[in-house]
Amino acid sequence: MRKTRVLLMLGGLAVGLAAALAFAAISFAGANTGLAGTHWQLTEINGQPAVAGDVTPTLQFLPEDRLSGNGGCNGYGGAYTVNGSALQFSEMMSTLMACADDALTTQESAYFQALGSVASYALSGDTLTLKDASGAPVLVFARL
């Protein structure tokens, strides 16, 4: 009888431990472990070097899955969702100021369009690469 109680108790502990580990794995998988709290500066857009201006486009991943940055002329913000290497931006909004020259206007427009096409990301040291659904790099950043 005592042996049965010990076996039942050990079985209950094993089930409890398995449940706790499963919960921790689910919580960890949903957590943003690589991007939150990071700040980036654009170095490349659609395979071309970023146009130098008064303000180089930036991207900052804030707590609680929010983001902010500057497109080169306008500030922007929104939300982001990470699932493994999948990355999606939503609720995007920006100010509506005019850029000082046509090259910056063109780059900012392409930058915001590229942000809208992002489907995944890759981190390598101090480089963040944002990729479209086909896996092609659309934006490359250096850590600030």
Protein backbone atom coordinates (compact mmCIF):
# COMPACT_ATOMS: atom_id res chain seq x y z
CA MET A 1 0.00 0.00 0.00
CA ARG A 2 2.81 2.38 0.91
CA LYS A 3 4.60 1.56 -2.36
CA THR A 4 1.41 2.43 -4.29
CA ARG A 5 1.13 5.81 -2.52
CA VAL A 6 4.75 6.63 -3.31
CA LEU A 7 4.24 5.68 -6.95
CA LEU A 8 1.07 7.78 -7.16
CA MET A 9 2.84 10.73 -5.54
CA LEU A 10 5.79 10.44 -7.93
CA GLY A 11 3.40 10.15 -10.86
CA GLY A 12 1.58 13.29 -9.71
CA LEU A 13 4.87 15.16 -9.37
CA ALA A 14 5.92 14.06 -12.87
CA VAL A 15 2.61 15.26 -14.36
CA GLY A 16 2.88 18.57 -12.49
CA LEU A 17 6.46 19.08 -13.65
CA ALA A 18 5.54 18.25 -17.24
CA ALA A 19 2.66 20.75 -17.13
CA ALA A 20 4.91 23.46 -15.68
CA LEU A 21 7.56 22.86 -18.35
CA ALA A 22 4.94 22.92 -21.13
CA PHE A 23 3.54 26.22 -19.81
CA ALA A 24 7.03 27.71 -19.61
CA ALA A 25 7.80 26.62 -23.18
CA ILE A 26 4.58 28.18 -24.47
CA SER A 27 5.24 31.40 -22.57
CA PHE A 28 8.83 31.56 -23.80
CA ALA A 29 7.87 30.83 -27.42
CA GLY A 30 5.45 33.75 -27.38
CA ALA A 31 7.91 36.12 -25.74
CA ASN A 32 9.88 38.56 -27.82
CA THR A 33 13.38 37.53 -26.86
CA GLY A 34 15.52 39.22 -29.52
CA LEU A 35 14.04 42.56 -30.53
CA ALA A 36 12.49 44.27 -27.50
CA GLY A 37 14.63 47.15 -26.28
CA THR A 38 16.76 47.36 -29.43
CA HIS A 39 17.32 50.47 -31.58
CA TRP A 40 18.44 50.38 -35.22
CA GLN A 41 19.60 52.70 -38.01
CA LEU A 42 18.91 51.92 -41.69
CA THR A 43 21.95 51.03 -43.79
CA GLU A 44 20.33 49.42 -46.84
CA ILE A 45 16.93 49.49 -48.51
CA ASN A 46 15.94 47.10 -51.30
CA GLY A 47 19.58 46.22 -51.93
CA GLN A 48 20.75 49.86 -52.14
CA PRO A 49 22.64 51.94 -49.54
CA ALA A 50 20.47 54.32 -47.52
CA VAL A 51 20.44 57.94 -48.76
CA ALA A 52 22.29 60.21 -46.35
CA GLY A 53 20.20 63.04 -44.96
CA ASP A 54 19.77 65.09 -41.82
CA VAL A 55 18.06 62.08 -40.24
CA THR A 56 18.75 58.48 -41.26
CA PRO A 57 15.70 56.22 -40.88
CA THR A 58 15.54 54.42 -37.54
CA LEU A 59 13.55 51.61 -35.97
CA GLN A 60 13.16 51.08 -32.24
CA PHE A 61 11.47 48.05 -30.69
CA LEU A 62 9.81 49.21 -27.49
CA PRO A 63 8.37 47.13 -24.63
CA GLU A 64 4.90 45.66 -24.96
CA ASP A 65 5.32 44.97 -28.69
CA ARG A 66 5.29 48.64 -29.74
CA LEU A 67 7.71 50.30 -32.15
CA SER A 68 8.75 53.80 -33.12
CA GLY A 69 11.23 55.46 -35.39
CA ASN A 70 11.91 58.07 -38.00
CA GLY A 71 11.51 57.49 -41.72
CA GLY A 72 14.01 60.20 -42.58
CA CYS A 73 11.48 63.03 -42.58
CA ASN A 74 8.57 61.80 -40.47
CA GLY A 75 8.25 60.07 -37.14
CA TYR A 76 6.24 56.85 -37.08
CA GLY A 77 4.96 54.24 -34.68
CA GLY A 78 2.93 51.09 -34.48
CA ALA A 79 2.85 47.57 -33.15
CA TYR A 80 4.78 44.43 -33.95
CA THR A 81 4.30 40.71 -33.48
CA VAL A 82 7.10 38.15 -33.32
CA ASN A 83 6.65 34.40 -33.67
CA GLY A 84 9.99 32.65 -34.03
CA SER A 85 11.67 34.49 -36.92
CA ALA A 86 8.33 35.71 -38.28
CA LEU A 87 7.79 39.44 -37.81
CA GLN A 88 4.72 41.50 -38.63
CA PHE A 89 4.05 45.22 -38.22
CA SER A 90 0.56 46.63 -37.66
CA GLU A 91 -1.27 49.77 -36.55
CA MET A 92 1.36 51.85 -38.38
CA MET A 93 1.00 55.64 -38.40
CA SER A 94 3.30 58.56 -39.18
CA THR A 95 3.45 62.31 -39.20
CA LEU A 96 2.88 63.99 -42.58
CA MET A 97 5.72 66.49 -42.97
CA ALA A 98 7.37 67.18 -46.33
CA CYS A 99 10.95 66.06 -46.87
CA ALA A 100 13.66 68.60 -47.75
CA ASP A 101 14.51 66.97 -51.08
CA ASP A 102 13.15 64.47 -53.60
CA ALA A 103 15.72 61.73 -52.82
CA LEU A 104 14.65 61.67 -49.16
CA THR A 105 10.97 61.73 -50.14
CA THR A 106 11.52 58.75 -52.44
CA GLN A 107 13.52 56.84 -49.83
CA GLU A 108 11.00 57.47 -47.06
CA SER A 109 8.16 56.28 -49.27
CA ALA A 110 10.12 53.12 -50.15
CA TYR A 111 11.04 52.65 -46.47
CA PHE A 112 7.43 52.74 -45.28
CA GLN A 113 6.41 50.44 -48.14
CA ALA A 114 9.19 47.99 -47.22
CA LEU A 115 8.11 48.01 -43.56
CA GLY A 116 4.65 46.98 -44.77
CA SER A 117 6.10 44.01 -46.66
CA VAL A 118 8.14 42.56 -43.77
CA ALA A 119 7.39 38.92 -42.97
CA SER A 120 10.51 37.81 -41.09
CA TYR A 121 13.78 38.95 -39.59
CA ALA A 122 17.31 37.74 -38.98
CA LEU A 123 19.73 39.00 -36.32
CA SER A 124 23.45 38.61 -36.89
CA GLY A 125 25.63 40.44 -34.36
CA ASP A 126 24.84 44.14 -34.74
CA THR A 127 22.93 43.69 -38.01
CA LEU A 128 19.16 43.31 -38.33
CA THR A 129 17.79 42.16 -41.69
CA LEU A 130 14.07 42.43 -42.40
CA LYS A 131 12.80 40.14 -45.16
CA ASP A 132 9.66 39.94 -47.28
CA ALA A 133 7.46 36.85 -47.66
CA SER A 134 9.81 35.37 -50.29
CA GLY A 135 12.76 35.69 -47.89
CA ALA A 136 14.39 38.54 -49.83
CA PRO A 137 16.03 41.24 -47.68
CA VAL A 138 14.15 44.55 -47.93
CA LEU A 139 15.71 46.52 -45.06
CA VAL A 140 19.08 46.16 -43.33
CA PHE A 141 19.89 48.01 -40.10
CA ALA A 142 22.91 48.55 -37.85
CA ARG A 143 22.44 48.53 -34.08
CA LEU A 144 22.54 51.92 -32.39
